[in-house]
């Protein structure tokens, strides 16, 4: 089976979408799929204004058509709602080919944080985009419930996992990372995109003894670093270096109010690092009830309470979250949606209405 994955998010971006798709690509052969990706690297692209790490692909119908003929896919998954995703969606509808989509990002909230665009308008556009799919994958139960309430249909669960060999507690004899030299304890750590939608300012503004460390990059980094000179900004770190930072910190702080999951939550927990977060979608599904973190509307309260959590409890919970289970759901959803596409067909004339 030849699986075409259309995604507007790809390396060098460092985010949950890219990480998830990379892991699915690794698992594809064992599930009987040969993956092919259409990404911004396959087209001319322009940097997104104000967010240069994100490339906007100039994916026209001709280029998408040539790629389609070369790949000749048996199955199609559209991972994002950008220019590539929209172009492949349009071609699938024109050819009468079923496809699945996934809902990774709360674009309505992200747009509203940057421009006076009502969330209702953005959700109406997203609902229309995903309505043409035979199935739309969502990462958590609470997100599924929320989107169903907003009129989305054919929702399917696709959880996420963590590499517990890479992300693990530090060995007893391992020295602490040099990047944390001289920092007073406790160390409160944030990892993620440094952008307005991640609510990093809420973390940096907390009245906490000890130190605050920010790992990641983004359009708000320079502004926040200037406003909070007492915090240590380390830029993007990955792999074993990132794992060591998790393992050496005391609390992982996740201030986002808009994430749909938060793979970094699992990475922190796998390293034995307790979580402090707001009680919202993502943390509610990943952390609540596990004993691996504290969720509270007062983020400072959550941070202080998380200091008392045994690190072994965090690691034990992360060991339950595997990429193998994530892959089982992902490829199972694709096969199920494809097999039942005829039952989910849109009414006559609806395809033309959705082509825009």
C-alpha atoms as a PDB file:
ATOM      1  CA  UNK A   1       0.000   0.000   0.000  1.00  0.00           C
ATOM      2  CA  UNK A   2       1.348   3.381  -1.031  1.00  0.00           C
ATOM      3  CA  UNK A   3       0.471   6.122   1.447  1.00  0.00           C
ATOM      4  CA  UNK A   4       0.709   9.751   0.392  1.00  0.00           C
ATOM      5  CA  UNK A   5       1.044  12.084   3.390  1.00  0.00           C
ATOM      6  CA  UNK A   6       0.501  15.768   2.621  1.00  0.00           C
ATOM      7  CA  UNK A   7       1.901  18.083   5.288  1.00  0.00           C
ATOM      8  CA  UNK A   8       2.716  21.785   5.432  1.00  0.00           C
ATOM      9  CA  UNK A   9       4.735  21.164   8.613  1.00  0.00           C
ATOM     10  CA  UNK A  10       8.136  19.543   8.129  1.00  0.00           C
ATOM     11  CA  UNK A  11      11.794  19.817   9.090  1.00  0.00           C
ATOM     12  CA  UNK A  12      13.530  22.028   9.990  1.00  0.00           C
ATOM     13  CA  UNK A  13      10.443  22.824  12.069  1.00  0.00           C
ATOM     14  CA  UNK A  14      10.572  21.210  15.513  1.00  0.00           C
ATOM     15  CA  UNK A  15       7.059  20.479  16.700  1.00  0.00           C
ATOM     16  CA  UNK A  16       4.615  17.732  17.546  1.00  0.00           C
ATOM     17  CA  UNK A  17       3.248  17.427  14.019  1.00  0.00           C
ATOM     18  CA  UNK A  18       6.664  16.765  12.507  1.00  0.00           C
ATOM     19  CA  UNK A  19       7.667  14.412  15.320  1.00  0.00           C
ATOM     20  CA  UNK A  20       4.465  12.392  15.032  1.00  0.00           C
ATOM     21  CA  UNK A  21       4.704  12.015  11.252  1.00  0.00           C
ATOM     22  CA  UNK A  22       8.357  11.010  11.419  1.00  0.00           C
ATOM     23  CA  UNK A  23       7.490   8.244  13.885  1.00  0.00           C
ATOM     24  CA  UNK A  24       4.613   7.052  11.701  1.00  0.00           C
ATOM     25  CA  UNK A  25       6.980   6.892   8.722  1.00  0.00           C
ATOM     26  CA  UNK A  26       9.323   4.666  10.724  1.00  0.00           C
ATOM     27  CA  UNK A  27       6.453   2.347  11.662  1.00  0.00           C
ATOM     28  CA  UNK A  28       4.857   2.258   8.188  1.00  0.00           C
ATOM     29  CA  UNK A  29       6.681  -0.773   6.696  1.00  0.00           C
ATOM     30  CA  UNK A  30       5.697  -2.993   9.622  1.00  0.00           C
ATOM     31  CA  UNK A  31       2.068  -1.996   9.018  1.00  0.00           C
ATOM     32  CA  UNK A  32       2.268  -2.807   5.300  1.00  0.00           C
ATOM     33  CA  UNK A  33       2.549   0.791   4.058  1.00  0.00           C
ATOM     34  CA  UNK A  34       5.161   2.558   1.942  1.00  0.00           C
ATOM     35  CA  UNK A  35       5.044   6.251   2.944  1.00  0.00           C
ATOM     36  CA  UNK A  36       5.568   9.172   0.565  1.00  0.00           C
ATOM     37  CA  UNK A  37       5.565  12.744   1.838  1.00  0.00           C
ATOM     38  CA  UNK A  38       4.645  15.985   0.112  1.00  0.00           C
ATOM     39  CA  UNK A  39       6.173  18.802   2.176  1.00  0.00           C
ATOM     40  CA  UNK A  40       7.329  22.407   1.679  1.00  0.00           C
ATOM     41  CA  UNK A  41      10.687  20.968   0.574  1.00  0.00           C
ATOM     42  CA  UNK A  42       9.008  19.710  -2.625  1.00  0.00           C
ATOM     43  CA  UNK A  43       7.878  23.166  -3.774  1.00  0.00           C
ATOM     44  CA  UNK A  44       9.008  26.747  -3.926  1.00  0.00           C
ATOM     45  CA  UNK A  45       8.062  28.359  -0.670  1.00  0.00           C
ATOM     46  CA  UNK A  46       8.009  31.655   1.173  1.00  0.00           C
ATOM     47  CA  UNK A  47       8.600  32.323   4.880  1.00  0.00           C
ATOM     48  CA  UNK A  48       5.450  33.068   6.841  1.00  0.00           C
ATOM     49  CA  UNK A  49       5.424  36.780   7.782  1.00  0.00           C
ATOM     50  CA  UNK A  50       6.546  37.137  11.383  1.00  0.00           C
ATOM     51  CA  UNK A  51       7.310  33.402  11.664  1.00  0.00           C
ATOM     52  CA  UNK A  52      10.133  32.659   9.234  1.00  0.00           C
ATOM     53  CA  UNK A  53      10.737  29.052  10.355  1.00  0.00           C
ATOM     54  CA  UNK A  54       7.368  28.126   8.833  1.00  0.00           C
ATOM     55  CA  UNK A  55       7.444  27.927   5.045  1.00  0.00           C
ATOM     56  CA  UNK A  56       4.342  28.552   2.938  1.00  0.00           C
ATOM     57  CA  UNK A  57       4.575  26.228  -0.044  1.00  0.00           C
ATOM     58  CA  UNK A  58       3.546  27.506  -3.472  1.00  0.00           C
ATOM     59  CA  UNK A  59       1.774  24.225  -4.196  1.00  0.00           C
ATOM     60  CA  UNK A  60      -0.194  24.651  -7.408  1.00  0.00           C
ATOM     61  CA  UNK A  61      -2.450  22.131  -9.091  1.00  0.00           C
ATOM     62  CA  UNK A  62       0.156  21.204 -11.720  1.00  0.00           C
ATOM     63  CA  UNK A  63       2.893  20.432  -9.194  1.00  0.00           C
ATOM     64  CA  UNK A  64       0.534  18.419  -7.007  1.00  0.00           C
ATOM     65  CA  UNK A  65      -0.725  16.519 -10.054  1.00  0.00           C
ATOM     66  CA  UNK A  66       2.801  15.602 -11.167  1.00  0.00           C
ATOM     67  CA  UNK A  67       3.626  14.372  -7.650  1.00  0.00           C
ATOM     68  CA  UNK A  68       0.409  12.356  -7.538  1.00  0.00           C
ATOM     69  CA  UNK A  69       1.199  10.578 -10.798  1.00  0.00           C
ATOM     70  CA  UNK A  70       4.718   9.813  -9.601  1.00  0.00           C
ATOM     71  CA  UNK A  71       3.558   8.384  -6.265  1.00  0.00           C
ATOM     72  CA  UNK A  72       0.349   6.740  -7.509  1.00  0.00           C
ATOM     73  CA  UNK A  73      -1.041   6.413  -3.965  1.00  0.00           C
ATOM     74  CA  UNK A  74      -3.481   3.799  -2.765  1.00  0.00           C
ATOM     75  CA  UNK A  75      -4.218   5.806   0.406  1.00  0.00           C
ATOM     76  CA  UNK A  76      -3.988   9.519   1.227  1.00  0.00           C
ATOM     77  CA  UNK A  77      -3.616  11.302   4.560  1.00  0.00           C
ATOM     78  CA  UNK A  78      -3.703  15.109   4.785  1.00  0.00           C
ATOM     79  CA  UNK A  79      -1.934  16.142   7.972  1.00  0.00           C
ATOM     80  CA  UNK A  80      -2.364  19.924   7.847  1.00  0.00           C
ATOM     81  CA  UNK A  81      -4.740  22.529   6.501  1.00  0.00           C
ATOM     82  CA  UNK A  82      -2.128  24.650   4.703  1.00  0.00           C
ATOM     83  CA  UNK A  83      -1.451  25.194   1.026  1.00  0.00           C
ATOM     84  CA  UNK A  84      -0.206  21.638   0.397  1.00  0.00           C
ATOM     85  CA  UNK A  85      -3.039  20.096   2.379  1.00  0.00           C
ATOM     86  CA  UNK A  86      -5.625  22.182   0.561  1.00  0.00           C
ATOM     87  CA  UNK A  87      -4.210  21.346  -2.882  1.00  0.00           C
ATOM     88  CA  UNK A  88      -4.151  17.588  -2.208  1.00  0.00           C
ATOM     89  CA  UNK A  89      -7.642  17.737  -0.713  1.00  0.00           C
ATOM     90  CA  UNK A  90      -8.916  19.450  -3.843  1.00  0.00           C
ATOM     91  CA  UNK A  91      -7.324  16.812  -6.086  1.00  0.00           C
ATOM     92  CA  UNK A  92      -8.755  13.948  -4.008  1.00  0.00           C
ATOM     93  CA  UNK A  93     -12.251  15.407  -4.277  1.00  0.00           C
ATOM     94  CA  UNK A  94     -11.885  15.959  -8.019  1.00  0.00           C
ATOM     95  CA  UNK A  95     -10.727  12.354  -8.493  1.00  0.00           C
ATOM     96  CA  UNK A  96     -13.335  10.935  -6.121  1.00  0.00           C
ATOM     97  CA  UNK A  97     -10.579   9.456  -3.950  1.00  0.00           C
ATOM     98  CA  UNK A  98     -11.125   8.991  -0.192  1.00  0.00           C
ATOM     99  CA  UNK A  99      -8.652  10.497   2.252  1.00  0.00           C
ATOM    100  CA  UNK A 100      -8.154  11.047   5.958  1.00  0.00           C
ATOM    101  CA  UNK A 101      -7.109  14.228   7.747  1.00  0.00           C
ATOM    102  CA  UNK A 102      -5.782  15.044  11.191  1.00  0.00           C
ATOM    103  CA  UNK A 103      -6.496  17.979  13.480  1.00  0.00           C
ATOM    104  CA  UNK A 104      -3.243  18.998  15.154  1.00  0.00           C
ATOM    105  CA  UNK A 105      -3.443  22.724  15.719  1.00  0.00           C
ATOM    106  CA  UNK A 106      -5.969  25.192  17.121  1.00  0.00           C
ATOM    107  CA  UNK A 107      -5.584  27.658  14.290  1.00  0.00           C
ATOM    108  CA  UNK A 108      -8.701  29.665  15.294  1.00  0.00           C
ATOM    109  CA  UNK A 109      -7.186  30.489  18.676  1.00  0.00           C
ATOM    110  CA  UNK A 110      -3.732  31.108  17.171  1.00  0.00           C
ATOM    111  CA  UNK A 111      -5.148  33.502  14.575  1.00  0.00           C
ATOM    112  CA  UNK A 112      -7.294  35.293  17.141  1.00  0.00           C
ATOM    113  CA  UNK A 113      -4.191  35.866  19.267  1.00  0.00           C
ATOM    114  CA  UNK A 114      -2.485  37.629  16.356  1.00  0.00           C
ATOM    115  CA  UNK A 115      -5.291  39.319  14.423  1.00  0.00           C
ATOM    116  CA  UNK A 116      -8.933  40.409  14.922  1.00  0.00           C
ATOM    117  CA  UNK A 117     -10.348  37.297  13.228  1.00  0.00           C
ATOM    118  CA  UNK A 118     -13.366  35.793  15.040  1.00  0.00           C
ATOM    119  CA  UNK A 119     -12.799  32.172  16.069  1.00  0.00           C
ATOM    120  CA  UNK A 120     -16.232  31.248  14.693  1.00  0.00           C
ATOM    121  CA  UNK A 121     -15.093  32.163  11.156  1.00  0.00           C
ATOM    122  CA  UNK A 122     -11.949  30.039  11.420  1.00  0.00           C
ATOM    123  CA  UNK A 123     -13.831  27.068  12.845  1.00  0.00           C
ATOM    124  CA  UNK A 124     -16.353  27.281  10.004  1.00  0.00           C
ATOM    125  CA  UNK A 125     -13.503  27.083   7.488  1.00  0.00           C
ATOM    126  CA  UNK A 126     -11.862  24.159   9.305  1.00  0.00           C
ATOM    127  CA  UNK A 127     -15.169  22.321   9.585  1.00  0.00           C
ATOM    128  CA  UNK A 128     -15.607  22.653   5.824  1.00  0.00           C
ATOM    129  CA  UNK A 129     -12.041  21.515   5.169  1.00  0.00           C
ATOM    130  CA  UNK A 130     -12.351  18.332   7.251  1.00  0.00           C
ATOM    131  CA  UNK A 131     -15.931  17.542   6.252  1.00  0.00           C
ATOM    132  CA  UNK A 132     -14.719  16.130   2.935  1.00  0.00           C
ATOM    133  CA  UNK A 133     -12.537  13.535   4.687  1.00  0.00           C
ATOM    134  CA  UNK A 134     -13.559   9.940   5.351  1.00  0.00           C
ATOM    135  CA  UNK A 135     -12.095  10.369   8.828  1.00  0.00           C
ATOM    136  CA  UNK A 136     -10.462  13.126  10.875  1.00  0.00           C
ATOM    137  CA  UNK A 137      -7.931  12.018  13.481  1.00  0.00           C
ATOM    138  CA  UNK A 138      -7.764  13.763  16.854  1.00  0.00           C
ATOM    139  CA  UNK A 139      -5.318  13.078  19.658  1.00  0.00           C
ATOM    140  CA  UNK A 140      -7.484  13.092  22.785  1.00  0.00           C
ATOM    141  CA  UNK A 141     -10.952  12.367  24.098  1.00  0.00           C
ATOM    142  CA  UNK A 142     -11.527  15.954  25.178  1.00  0.00           C
ATOM    143  CA  UNK A 143     -10.576  17.331  21.783  1.00  0.00           C
ATOM    144  CA  UNK A 144     -12.878  14.811  20.112  1.00  0.00           C
ATOM    145  CA  UNK A 145     -15.740  15.897  22.365  1.00  0.00           C
ATOM    146  CA  UNK A 146     -15.050  19.576  21.714  1.00  0.00           C
ATOM    147  CA  UNK A 147     -14.860  19.251  17.930  1.00  0.00           C
ATOM    148  CA  UNK A 148     -17.984  17.071  17.818  1.00  0.00           C
ATOM    149  CA  UNK A 149     -19.772  19.874  19.649  1.00  0.00           C
ATOM    150  CA  UNK A 150     -18.559  22.273  16.946  1.00  0.00           C
ATOM    151  CA  UNK A 151     -20.068  20.147  14.183  1.00  0.00           C
ATOM    152  CA  UNK A 152     -17.050  18.117  13.061  1.00  0.00           C
ATOM    153  CA  UNK A 153     -17.858  14.569  11.970  1.00  0.00           C
ATOM    154  CA  UNK A 154     -16.164  11.207  11.331  1.00  0.00           C
ATOM    155  CA  UNK A 155     -13.729  11.796  14.202  1.00  0.00           C
ATOM    156  CA  UNK A 156     -11.165   9.065  14.935  1.00  0.00           C
ATOM    157  CA  UNK A 157      -8.718   8.762  17.849  1.00  0.00           C
ATOM    158  CA  UNK A 158      -4.972   8.891  17.231  1.00  0.00           C
ATOM    159  CA  UNK A 159      -2.906   9.118  20.399  1.00  0.00           C
ATOM    160  CA  UNK A 160       0.803   9.948  20.645  1.00  0.00           C
ATOM    161  CA  UNK A 161       3.784   8.212  22.213  1.00  0.00           C
ATOM    162  CA  UNK A 162       7.256   8.789  23.551  1.00  0.00           C
ATOM    163  CA  UNK A 163      10.660   7.180  22.999  1.00  0.00           C
ATOM    164  CA  UNK A 164      11.424   5.967  26.524  1.00  0.00           C
ATOM    165  CA  UNK A 165      14.925   4.849  25.533  1.00  0.00           C
ATOM    166  CA  UNK A 166      15.915   8.340  24.422  1.00  0.00           C
ATOM    167  CA  UNK A 167      13.925  10.184  27.060  1.00  0.00           C
ATOM    168  CA  UNK A 168      14.867   8.655  30.384  1.00  0.00           C
ATOM    169  CA  UNK A 169      16.093   9.682  33.850  1.00  0.00           C
ATOM    170  CA  UNK A 170      19.744  10.593  34.169  1.00  0.00           C
ATOM    171  CA  UNK A 171      22.212   7.943  35.266  1.00  0.00           C
ATOM    172  CA  UNK A 172      23.300   8.462  38.905  1.00  0.00           C
ATOM    173  CA  UNK A 173      26.875   9.316  37.916  1.00  0.00           C
ATOM    174  CA  UNK A 174      25.916  11.612  35.004  1.00  0.00           C
ATOM    175  CA  UNK A 175      27.006  15.248  35.486  1.00  0.00           C
ATOM    176  CA  UNK A 176      24.292  17.914  35.109  1.00  0.00           C
ATOM    177  CA  UNK A 177      24.130  19.696  31.736  1.00  0.00           C
ATOM    178  CA  UNK A 178      26.547  22.607  31.463  1.00  0.00           C
ATOM    179  CA  UNK A 179      23.687  24.735  30.143  1.00  0.00           C
ATOM    180  CA  UNK A 180      22.261  24.735  33.679  1.00  0.00           C
ATOM    181  CA  UNK A 181      25.525  25.616  35.458  1.00  0.00           C
ATOM    182  CA  UNK A 182      25.120  28.069  38.311  1.00  0.00           C
ATOM    183  CA  UNK A 183      21.338  28.046  38.370  1.00  0.00           C
ATOM    184  CA  UNK A 184      19.753  27.976  41.825  1.00  0.00           C
ATOM    185  CA  UNK A 185      17.224  25.247  42.571  1.00  0.00           C
ATOM    186  CA  UNK A 186      14.477  24.432  41.958  1.00  0.00           C
ATOM    187  CA  UNK A 187      14.711  24.615  38.177  1.00  0.00           C
ATOM    188  CA  UNK A 188      11.404  25.141  36.360  1.00  0.00           C
ATOM    189  CA  UNK A 189      11.649  24.182  32.690  1.00  0.00           C
ATOM    190  CA  UNK A 190       9.615  25.067  29.601  1.00  0.00           C
ATOM    191  CA  UNK A 191      10.202  23.302  26.261  1.00  0.00           C
ATOM    192  CA  UNK A 192       8.420  24.332  23.102  1.00  0.00           C
ATOM    193  CA  UNK A 193       7.868  27.006  20.490  1.00  0.00           C
ATOM    194  CA  UNK A 194       8.442  30.470  21.928  1.00  0.00           C
ATOM    195  CA  UNK A 195       5.348  32.071  20.460  1.00  0.00           C
ATOM    196  CA  UNK A 196       2.268  33.844  21.740  1.00  0.00           C
ATOM    197  CA  UNK A 197       0.026  30.783  21.454  1.00  0.00           C
ATOM    198  CA  UNK A 198       2.260  28.838  23.880  1.00  0.00           C
ATOM    199  CA  UNK A 199       1.591  31.370  26.649  1.00  0.00           C
ATOM    200  CA  UNK A 200       5.249  31.377  27.711  1.00  0.00           C
ATOM    201  CA  UNK A 201       4.820  34.817  29.282  1.00  0.00           C
ATOM    202  CA  UNK A 202       2.485  33.304  31.882  1.00  0.00           C
ATOM    203  CA  UNK A 203       5.281  30.968  32.969  1.00  0.00           C
ATOM    204  CA  UNK A 204       7.951  33.670  33.005  1.00  0.00           C
ATOM    205  CA  UNK A 205       5.721  35.970  35.036  1.00  0.00           C
ATOM    206  CA  UNK A 206       5.250  33.511  37.905  1.00  0.00           C
ATOM    207  CA  UNK A 207       6.614  34.397  41.337  1.00  0.00           C
ATOM    208  CA  UNK A 208       8.798  31.345  41.927  1.00  0.00           C
ATOM    209  CA  UNK A 209      11.999  30.848  43.867  1.00  0.00           C
ATOM    210  CA  UNK A 210      14.799  29.157  41.983  1.00  0.00           C
ATOM    211  CA  UNK A 211      15.309  29.405  38.214  1.00  0.00           C
ATOM    212  CA  UNK A 212      13.289  29.452  34.998  1.00  0.00           C
ATOM    213  CA  UNK A 213      14.675  27.881  31.854  1.00  0.00           C
ATOM    214  CA  UNK A 214      13.214  28.151  28.350  1.00  0.00           C
ATOM    215  CA  UNK A 215      14.196  25.635  25.661  1.00  0.00           C
ATOM    216  CA  UNK A 216      13.008  26.407  22.146  1.00  0.00           C
ATOM    217  CA  UNK A 217      12.901  29.185  19.611  1.00  0.00           C
ATOM    218  CA  UNK A 218      10.265  31.296  17.934  1.00  0.00           C
ATOM    219  CA  UNK A 219       9.109  34.809  17.109  1.00  0.00           C
ATOM    220  CA  UNK A 220       8.671  35.854  20.761  1.00  0.00           C
ATOM    221  CA  UNK A 221      12.061  34.745  22.020  1.00  0.00           C
ATOM    222  CA  UNK A 222      13.896  38.075  21.739  1.00  0.00           C
ATOM    223  CA  UNK A 223      11.032  40.040  23.285  1.00  0.00           C
ATOM    224  CA  UNK A 224      10.574  37.646  26.203  1.00  0.00           C
ATOM    225  CA  UNK A 225      14.311  37.351  26.841  1.00  0.00           C
ATOM    226  CA  UNK A 226      14.567  41.135  27.078  1.00  0.00           C
ATOM    227  CA  UNK A 227      11.548  41.335  29.388  1.00  0.00           C
ATOM    228  CA  UNK A 228      12.765  38.509  31.654  1.00  0.00           C
ATOM    229  CA  UNK A 229      16.565  38.755  31.910  1.00  0.00           C
ATOM    230  CA  UNK A 230      16.579  36.519  34.992  1.00  0.00           C
ATOM    231  CA  UNK A 231      15.375  33.536  32.906  1.00  0.00           C
ATOM    232  CA  UNK A 232      17.810  31.425  30.922  1.00  0.00           C
ATOM    233  CA  UNK A 233      16.950  30.961  27.223  1.00  0.00           C
ATOM    234  CA  UNK A 234      18.769  28.015  25.657  1.00  0.00           C
ATOM    235  CA  UNK A 235      17.329  27.927  22.141  1.00  0.00           C
ATOM    236  CA  UNK A 236      16.344  24.693  20.432  1.00  0.00           C
ATOM    237  CA  UNK A 237      17.742  21.467  21.888  1.00  0.00           C
ATOM    238  CA  UNK A 238      16.976  17.968  20.657  1.00  0.00           C
ATOM    239  CA  UNK A 239      17.801  14.321  21.255  1.00  0.00           C
ATOM    240  CA  UNK A 240      20.034  13.301  24.145  1.00  0.00           C
ATOM    241  CA  UNK A 241      20.819  16.940  24.948  1.00  0.00           C
ATOM    242  CA  UNK A 242      17.124  17.702  25.440  1.00  0.00           C
ATOM    243  CA  UNK A 243      16.632  14.525  27.455  1.00  0.00           C
ATOM    244  CA  UNK A 244      19.442  15.561  29.815  1.00  0.00           C
ATOM    245  CA  UNK A 245      17.794  18.952  30.384  1.00  0.00           C
ATOM    246  CA  UNK A 246      14.474  17.324  31.250  1.00  0.00           C
ATOM    247  CA  UNK A 247      16.191  14.910  33.626  1.00  0.00           C
ATOM    248  CA  UNK A 248      18.132  17.675  35.387  1.00  0.00           C
ATOM    249  CA  UNK A 249      15.160  20.014  35.972  1.00  0.00           C
ATOM    250  CA  UNK A 250      12.758  19.889  38.922  1.00  0.00           C
ATOM    251  CA  UNK A 251       9.391  20.735  37.324  1.00  0.00           C
ATOM    252  CA  UNK A 252       8.219  20.872  33.733  1.00  0.00           C
ATOM    253  CA  UNK A 253       5.902  23.853  33.252  1.00  0.00           C
ATOM    254  CA  UNK A 254       3.380  23.679  30.406  1.00  0.00           C
ATOM    255  CA  UNK A 255       1.543  27.023  30.282  1.00  0.00           C
ATOM    256  CA  UNK A 256      -0.237  26.508  26.944  1.00  0.00           C
ATOM    257  CA  UNK A 257      -4.010  26.902  26.834  1.00  0.00           C
ATOM    258  CA  UNK A 258      -4.351  25.864  23.190  1.00  0.00           C
ATOM    259  CA  UNK A 259      -2.321  22.694  22.546  1.00  0.00           C
ATOM    260  CA  UNK A 260      -4.266  19.672  21.337  1.00  0.00           C
ATOM    261  CA  UNK A 261      -1.913  17.167  23.029  1.00  0.00           C
ATOM    262  CA  UNK A 262       1.630  18.167  24.014  1.00  0.00           C
ATOM    263  CA  UNK A 263       4.224  15.475  23.218  1.00  0.00           C
ATOM    264  CA  UNK A 264       6.674  17.391  25.420  1.00  0.00           C
ATOM    265  CA  UNK A 265       4.521  16.364  28.398  1.00  0.00           C
ATOM    266  CA  UNK A 266       5.327  12.718  27.710  1.00  0.00           C
ATOM    267  CA  UNK A 267       8.999  13.486  27.091  1.00  0.00           C
ATOM    268  CA  UNK A 268       9.270  15.234  30.460  1.00  0.00           C
ATOM    269  CA  UNK A 269       7.445  12.442  32.279  1.00  0.00           C
ATOM    270  CA  UNK A 270       9.662   9.807  30.633  1.00  0.00           C
ATOM    271  CA  UNK A 271      12.674  11.600  32.120  1.00  0.00           C
ATOM    272  CA  UNK A 272      11.062  11.500  35.566  1.00  0.00           C
ATOM    273  CA  UNK A 273      10.120  15.177  35.491  1.00  0.00           C
ATOM    274  CA  UNK A 274       6.773  16.102  37.088  1.00  0.00           C
ATOM    275  CA  UNK A 275       4.424  18.418  35.201  1.00  0.00           C
ATOM    276  CA  UNK A 276       2.670  21.644  36.193  1.00  0.00           C
ATOM    277  CA  UNK A 277      -0.041  22.838  33.811  1.00  0.00           C
ATOM    278  CA  UNK A 278      -3.473  24.362  33.473  1.00  0.00           C
ATOM    279  CA  UNK A 279      -6.496  22.011  33.478  1.00  0.00           C
ATOM    280  CA  UNK A 280      -7.163  22.246  29.735  1.00  0.00           C
ATOM    281  CA  UNK A 281      -7.255  19.939  26.696  1.00  0.00           C
ATOM    282  CA  UNK A 282      -3.905  18.208  26.403  1.00  0.00           C
ATOM    283  CA  UNK A 283      -2.839  18.158  30.056  1.00  0.00           C
ATOM    284  CA  UNK A 284      -6.273  16.906  31.081  1.00  0.00           C
ATOM    285  CA  UNK A 285      -5.855  13.905  28.783  1.00  0.00           C
ATOM    286  CA  UNK A 286      -2.147  13.242  29.280  1.00  0.00           C
ATOM    287  CA  UNK A 287      -1.540  14.129  32.934  1.00  0.00           C
ATOM    288  CA  UNK A 288      -4.817  14.215  34.897  1.00  0.00           C
ATOM    289  CA  UNK A 289      -5.307  11.211  37.146  1.00  0.00           C
ATOM    290  CA  UNK A 290      -1.822   9.808  36.556  1.00  0.00           C
ATOM    291  CA  UNK A 291      -0.049  11.225  39.614  1.00  0.00           C
ATOM    292  CA  UNK A 292       2.663  12.514  37.283  1.00  0.00           C
ATOM    293  CA  UNK A 293       1.734  16.189  37.538  1.00  0.00           C
ATOM    294  CA  UNK A 294      -0.503  18.852  38.995  1.00  0.00           C
ATOM    295  CA  UNK A 295      -3.146  20.760  37.051  1.00  0.00           C
ATOM    296  CA  UNK A 296      -4.443  23.990  38.531  1.00  0.00           C
ATOM    297  CA  UNK A 297      -5.964  27.236  37.274  1.00  0.00           C
ATOM    298  CA  UNK A 298      -3.261  28.889  39.404  1.00  0.00           C
ATOM    299  CA  UNK A 299      -0.088  27.820  37.587  1.00  0.00           C
ATOM    300  CA  UNK A 300       2.151  28.860  40.491  1.00  0.00           C
ATOM    301  CA  UNK A 301       0.225  26.568  42.821  1.00  0.00           C
ATOM    302  CA  UNK A 302       0.649  23.731  40.335  1.00  0.00           C
ATOM    303  CA  UNK A 303       4.404  24.374  40.097  1.00  0.00           C
ATOM    304  CA  UNK A 304       4.946  24.279  43.843  1.00  0.00           C
ATOM    305  CA  UNK A 305       2.789  21.191  44.328  1.00  0.00           C
ATOM    306  CA  UNK A 306       4.578  19.357  41.486  1.00  0.00           C
ATOM    307  CA  UNK A 307       7.848  19.602  43.444  1.00  0.00           C
ATOM    308  CA  UNK A 308       6.475  16.950  45.810  1.00  0.00           C
ATOM    309  CA  UNK A 309       5.731  14.334  43.140  1.00  0.00           C
ATOM    310  CA  UNK A 310       7.974  11.222  43.088  1.00  0.00           C
ATOM    311  CA  UNK A 311       9.959  11.115  39.849  1.00  0.00           C
ATOM    312  CA  UNK A 312       9.417   7.363  39.604  1.00  0.00           C
ATOM    313  CA  UNK A 313       5.675   7.963  39.226  1.00  0.00           C
ATOM    314  CA  UNK A 314       6.283  10.151  36.167  1.00  0.00           C
ATOM    315  CA  UNK A 315       8.508   7.573  34.513  1.00  0.00           C
ATOM    316  CA  UNK A 316       6.040   4.755  35.201  1.00  0.00           C
ATOM    317  CA  UNK A 317       3.218   6.641  33.498  1.00  0.00           C
ATOM    318  CA  UNK A 318       5.330   7.472  30.431  1.00  0.00           C
ATOM    319  CA  UNK A 319       6.208   3.809  29.965  1.00  0.00           C
ATOM    320  CA  UNK A 320       2.531   3.172  29.218  1.00  0.00           C
ATOM    321  CA  UNK A 321       2.567   5.588  26.225  1.00  0.00           C
ATOM    322  CA  UNK A 322       4.195   3.938  23.218  1.00  0.00           C
ATOM    323  CA  UNK A 323       4.672   4.956  19.602  1.00  0.00           C
ATOM    324  CA  UNK A 324       3.717   1.393  18.679  1.00  0.00           C
ATOM    325  CA  UNK A 325       0.184   1.985  19.968  1.00  0.00           C
ATOM    326  CA  UNK A 326       0.110   5.353  18.210  1.00  0.00           C
ATOM    327  CA  UNK A 327       1.050   3.665  14.909  1.00  0.00           C
ATOM    328  CA  UNK A 328      -1.564   0.947  15.419  1.00  0.00           C
ATOM    329  CA  UNK A 329      -4.254   3.604  15.717  1.00  0.00           C
ATOM    330  CA  UNK A 330      -2.958   5.766  12.861  1.00  0.00           C
ATOM    331  CA  UNK A 331      -2.696   3.054  10.226  1.00  0.00           C
ATOM    332  CA  UNK A 332      -5.814   1.313  11.497  1.00  0.00           C
ATOM    333  CA  UNK A 333      -7.743   4.546  11.046  1.00  0.00           C
ATOM    334  CA  UNK A 334      -6.454   4.951   7.483  1.00  0.00           C
ATOM    335  CA  UNK A 335      -7.454   1.414   6.522  1.00  0.00           C
ATOM    336  CA  UNK A 336     -10.844   1.656   8.238  1.00  0.00           C
ATOM    337  CA  UNK A 337     -11.692   5.027   6.697  1.00  0.00           C
ATOM    338  CA  UNK A 338     -10.633   3.846   3.251  1.00  0.00           C
ATOM    339  CA  UNK A 339     -12.672   0.637   3.534  1.00  0.00           C
ATOM    340  CA  UNK A 340     -15.798   2.468   4.632  1.00  0.00           C
ATOM    341  CA  UNK A 341     -15.428   5.516   2.375  1.00  0.00           C
ATOM    342  CA  UNK A 342     -18.503   4.561   0.349  1.00  0.00           C
ATOM    343  CA  UNK A 343     -20.651   4.589   3.484  1.00  0.00           C
ATOM    344  CA  UNK A 344     -19.421   8.085   4.317  1.00  0.00           C
ATOM    345  CA  UNK A 345     -19.853   9.549   0.824  1.00  0.00           C
ATOM    346  CA  UNK A 346     -21.147  13.084   0.631  1.00  0.00           C
ATOM    347  CA  UNK A 347     -24.543  13.772  -0.902  1.00  0.00           C
ATOM    348  CA  UNK A 348     -24.694  14.389  -4.649  1.00  0.00           C
ATOM    349  CA  UNK A 349     -23.372  17.820  -5.522  1.00  0.00           C
ATOM    350  CA  UNK A 350     -21.573  18.246  -2.196  1.00  0.00           C
ATOM    351  CA  UNK A 351     -18.161  17.512  -3.746  1.00  0.00           C
ATOM    352  CA  UNK A 352     -18.407  20.532  -6.028  1.00  0.00           C
ATOM    353  CA  UNK A 353     -19.423  22.713  -3.107  1.00  0.00           C
ATOM    354  CA  UNK A 354     -16.329  21.603  -1.167  1.00  0.00           C
ATOM    355  CA  UNK A 355     -13.797  22.157  -3.940  1.00  0.00           C
ATOM    356  CA  UNK A 356     -13.076  25.758  -3.041  1.00  0.00           C
END
